[in-house]
Structure formats: structure tokens, C-alpha cells
């Protein structure tokens, strides 16, 4: 089963750019399709493989930050080709 995941990492300190860029680079290196925009990062793949990889990437980021929030949305299906029809 394929899924689409939207992630927003929010380090709770003034030097937020470095941990966000580091997290995105980790996601890019996982071998899945990754799309980025100024508000969030989307990653697409097979459920079991993607969730296992995300678990490690999230844990690494949490271990390296004293205070951080991660917002995550998971949609069943690969929505990477979505094009608005309006």
C-alpha cells in the first residue's frame, strides 16, 4: 500500500533553519520521492518501508534538538501527481 506523508518540523528556538535543513536532507537520502515547499515537505512511498525510514529520521531529529514539534499528515495512496482541477 502506498502512502503520501506531509511533514513540518518546528524546532522551538531561534536557530531553526539548520535542524530543518538537516531533516530535509535526511528525507532526501531515504530513497523515496520527496517534494518540498516553504511550508512543509511531502514524501511518498510504500507504507512499511516509508514509515520505518521516517521513524529513524524523526528519532534522529528529536535526539538532536532540546525542543521540537513535528506535524505529520498521512494519506492513503500516492498523491504525488496531484494537479488541481479548478
C-alpha atoms as a PDB file:
ATOM      1  CA  UNK A   1       0.000   0.000   0.000  1.00  0.00           C
ATOM      2  CA  UNK A   2       1.380   3.396  -0.975  1.00  0.00           C
ATOM      3  CA  UNK A   3       1.057   6.471   1.201  1.00  0.00           C
ATOM      4  CA  UNK A   4       1.679  10.211   0.999  1.00  0.00           C
ATOM      5  CA  UNK A   5       3.096  11.925   4.091  1.00  0.00           C
ATOM      6  CA  UNK A   6       3.307  15.654   4.774  1.00  0.00           C
ATOM      7  CA  UNK A   7       5.832  16.713   7.422  1.00  0.00           C
ATOM      8  CA  UNK A   8       6.524  20.043   9.099  1.00  0.00           C
ATOM      9  CA  UNK A   9       9.400  20.175  11.596  1.00  0.00           C
ATOM     10  CA  UNK A  10       9.253  23.047  14.096  1.00  0.00           C
ATOM     11  CA  UNK A  11      12.342  23.482  16.296  1.00  0.00           C
ATOM     12  CA  UNK A  12      11.373  25.657  19.252  1.00  0.00           C
ATOM     13  CA  UNK A  13      14.314  28.056  19.244  1.00  0.00           C
ATOM     14  CA  UNK A  14      15.658  30.952  17.165  1.00  0.00           C
ATOM     15  CA  UNK A  15      18.199  28.893  15.181  1.00  0.00           C
ATOM     16  CA  UNK A  16      15.586  26.772  13.416  1.00  0.00           C
ATOM     17  CA  UNK A  17      16.995  26.743   9.863  1.00  0.00           C
ATOM     18  CA  UNK A  18      19.872  24.322  10.468  1.00  0.00           C
ATOM     19  CA  UNK A  19      17.776  21.493  12.007  1.00  0.00           C
ATOM     20  CA  UNK A  20      15.061  21.911   9.368  1.00  0.00           C
ATOM     21  CA  UNK A  21      17.579  21.705   6.521  1.00  0.00           C
ATOM     22  CA  UNK A  22      19.247  18.713   8.170  1.00  0.00           C
ATOM     23  CA  UNK A  23      15.880  16.920   8.486  1.00  0.00           C
ATOM     24  CA  UNK A  24      15.014  17.582   4.831  1.00  0.00           C
ATOM     25  CA  UNK A  25      18.429  16.289   3.732  1.00  0.00           C
ATOM     26  CA  UNK A  26      17.790  13.098   5.735  1.00  0.00           C
ATOM     27  CA  UNK A  27      14.439  12.692   3.982  1.00  0.00           C
ATOM     28  CA  UNK A  28      16.024  13.214   0.563  1.00  0.00           C
ATOM     29  CA  UNK A  29      18.535  10.448   1.322  1.00  0.00           C
ATOM     30  CA  UNK A  30      15.913   7.828   2.159  1.00  0.00           C
ATOM     31  CA  UNK A  31      15.310   6.844  -1.465  1.00  0.00           C
ATOM     32  CA  UNK A  32      11.680   7.949  -1.719  1.00  0.00           C
ATOM     33  CA  UNK A  33      10.087  10.678  -3.815  1.00  0.00           C
ATOM     34  CA  UNK A  34      10.340  13.949  -1.857  1.00  0.00           C
ATOM     35  CA  UNK A  35       8.662  17.254  -2.745  1.00  0.00           C
ATOM     36  CA  UNK A  36       9.321  20.424  -0.785  1.00  0.00           C
ATOM     37  CA  UNK A  37       7.635  23.785  -0.433  1.00  0.00           C
ATOM     38  CA  UNK A  38       8.123  26.689   2.012  1.00  0.00           C
ATOM     39  CA  UNK A  39       5.551  25.282   4.465  1.00  0.00           C
ATOM     40  CA  UNK A  40       6.188  21.519   4.503  1.00  0.00           C
ATOM     41  CA  UNK A  41       7.846  18.520   2.917  1.00  0.00           C
ATOM     42  CA  UNK A  42       5.947  15.677   1.268  1.00  0.00           C
ATOM     43  CA  UNK A  43       7.334  12.170   0.905  1.00  0.00           C
ATOM     44  CA  UNK A  44       5.761   9.279  -0.993  1.00  0.00           C
ATOM     45  CA  UNK A  45       6.282   5.529  -0.871  1.00  0.00           C
ATOM     46  CA  UNK A  46       5.255   2.086   0.284  1.00  0.00           C
ATOM     47  CA  UNK A  47       3.773   2.176   3.792  1.00  0.00           C
ATOM     48  CA  UNK A  48       6.026  -0.249   5.688  1.00  0.00           C
ATOM     49  CA  UNK A  49       9.292   0.918   4.132  1.00  0.00           C
ATOM     50  CA  UNK A  50       8.458   4.617   4.380  1.00  0.00           C
ATOM     51  CA  UNK A  51       7.201   4.516   7.968  1.00  0.00           C
ATOM     52  CA  UNK A  52      10.261   2.547   9.126  1.00  0.00           C
ATOM     53  CA  UNK A  53      12.560   5.074   7.458  1.00  0.00           C
ATOM     54  CA  UNK A  54      10.619   8.030   8.842  1.00  0.00           C
ATOM     55  CA  UNK A  55      10.754   6.589  12.338  1.00  0.00           C
ATOM     56  CA  UNK A  56      14.561   6.665  12.241  1.00  0.00           C
ATOM     57  CA  UNK A  57      14.759  10.157  10.680  1.00  0.00           C
ATOM     58  CA  UNK A  58      12.321  11.589  13.230  1.00  0.00           C
ATOM     59  CA  UNK A  59      14.133   9.951  16.138  1.00  0.00           C
ATOM     60  CA  UNK A  60      17.471  11.403  14.961  1.00  0.00           C
ATOM     61  CA  UNK A  61      15.983  14.891  14.765  1.00  0.00           C
ATOM     62  CA  UNK A  62      14.342  14.594  18.175  1.00  0.00           C
ATOM     63  CA  UNK A  63      17.565  13.374  19.775  1.00  0.00           C
ATOM     64  CA  UNK A  64      19.470  16.369  18.365  1.00  0.00           C
ATOM     65  CA  UNK A  65      17.015  19.045  19.498  1.00  0.00           C
ATOM     66  CA  UNK A  66      16.092  20.110  23.017  1.00  0.00           C
ATOM     67  CA  UNK A  67      12.582  21.204  21.981  1.00  0.00           C
ATOM     68  CA  UNK A  68      10.897  20.363  18.681  1.00  0.00           C
ATOM     69  CA  UNK A  69       7.430  19.703  17.255  1.00  0.00           C
ATOM     70  CA  UNK A  70       6.673  17.547  14.218  1.00  0.00           C
ATOM     71  CA  UNK A  71       3.350  17.844  12.407  1.00  0.00           C
ATOM     72  CA  UNK A  72       2.580  14.840  10.211  1.00  0.00           C
ATOM     73  CA  UNK A  73      -0.327  14.032   7.913  1.00  0.00           C
ATOM     74  CA  UNK A  74      -0.629  10.606   6.305  1.00  0.00           C
ATOM     75  CA  UNK A  75      -2.866   9.949   3.309  1.00  0.00           C
ATOM     76  CA  UNK A  76      -3.546   6.505   1.903  1.00  0.00           C
ATOM     77  CA  UNK A  77      -2.373   6.453  -1.704  1.00  0.00           C
ATOM     78  CA  UNK A  78       0.304   8.179  -3.748  1.00  0.00           C
ATOM     79  CA  UNK A  79      -0.812  11.795  -4.245  1.00  0.00           C
ATOM     80  CA  UNK A  80       2.475  12.967  -5.758  1.00  0.00           C
ATOM     81  CA  UNK A  81       0.887  13.530  -9.156  1.00  0.00           C
ATOM     82  CA  UNK A  82      -1.985  15.654  -7.855  1.00  0.00           C
ATOM     83  CA  UNK A  83      -2.968  18.516 -10.141  1.00  0.00           C
ATOM     84  CA  UNK A  84      -5.793  20.897  -9.130  1.00  0.00           C
ATOM     85  CA  UNK A  85      -8.766  20.674 -11.473  1.00  0.00           C
ATOM     86  CA  UNK A  86     -10.270  24.087 -10.783  1.00  0.00           C
END
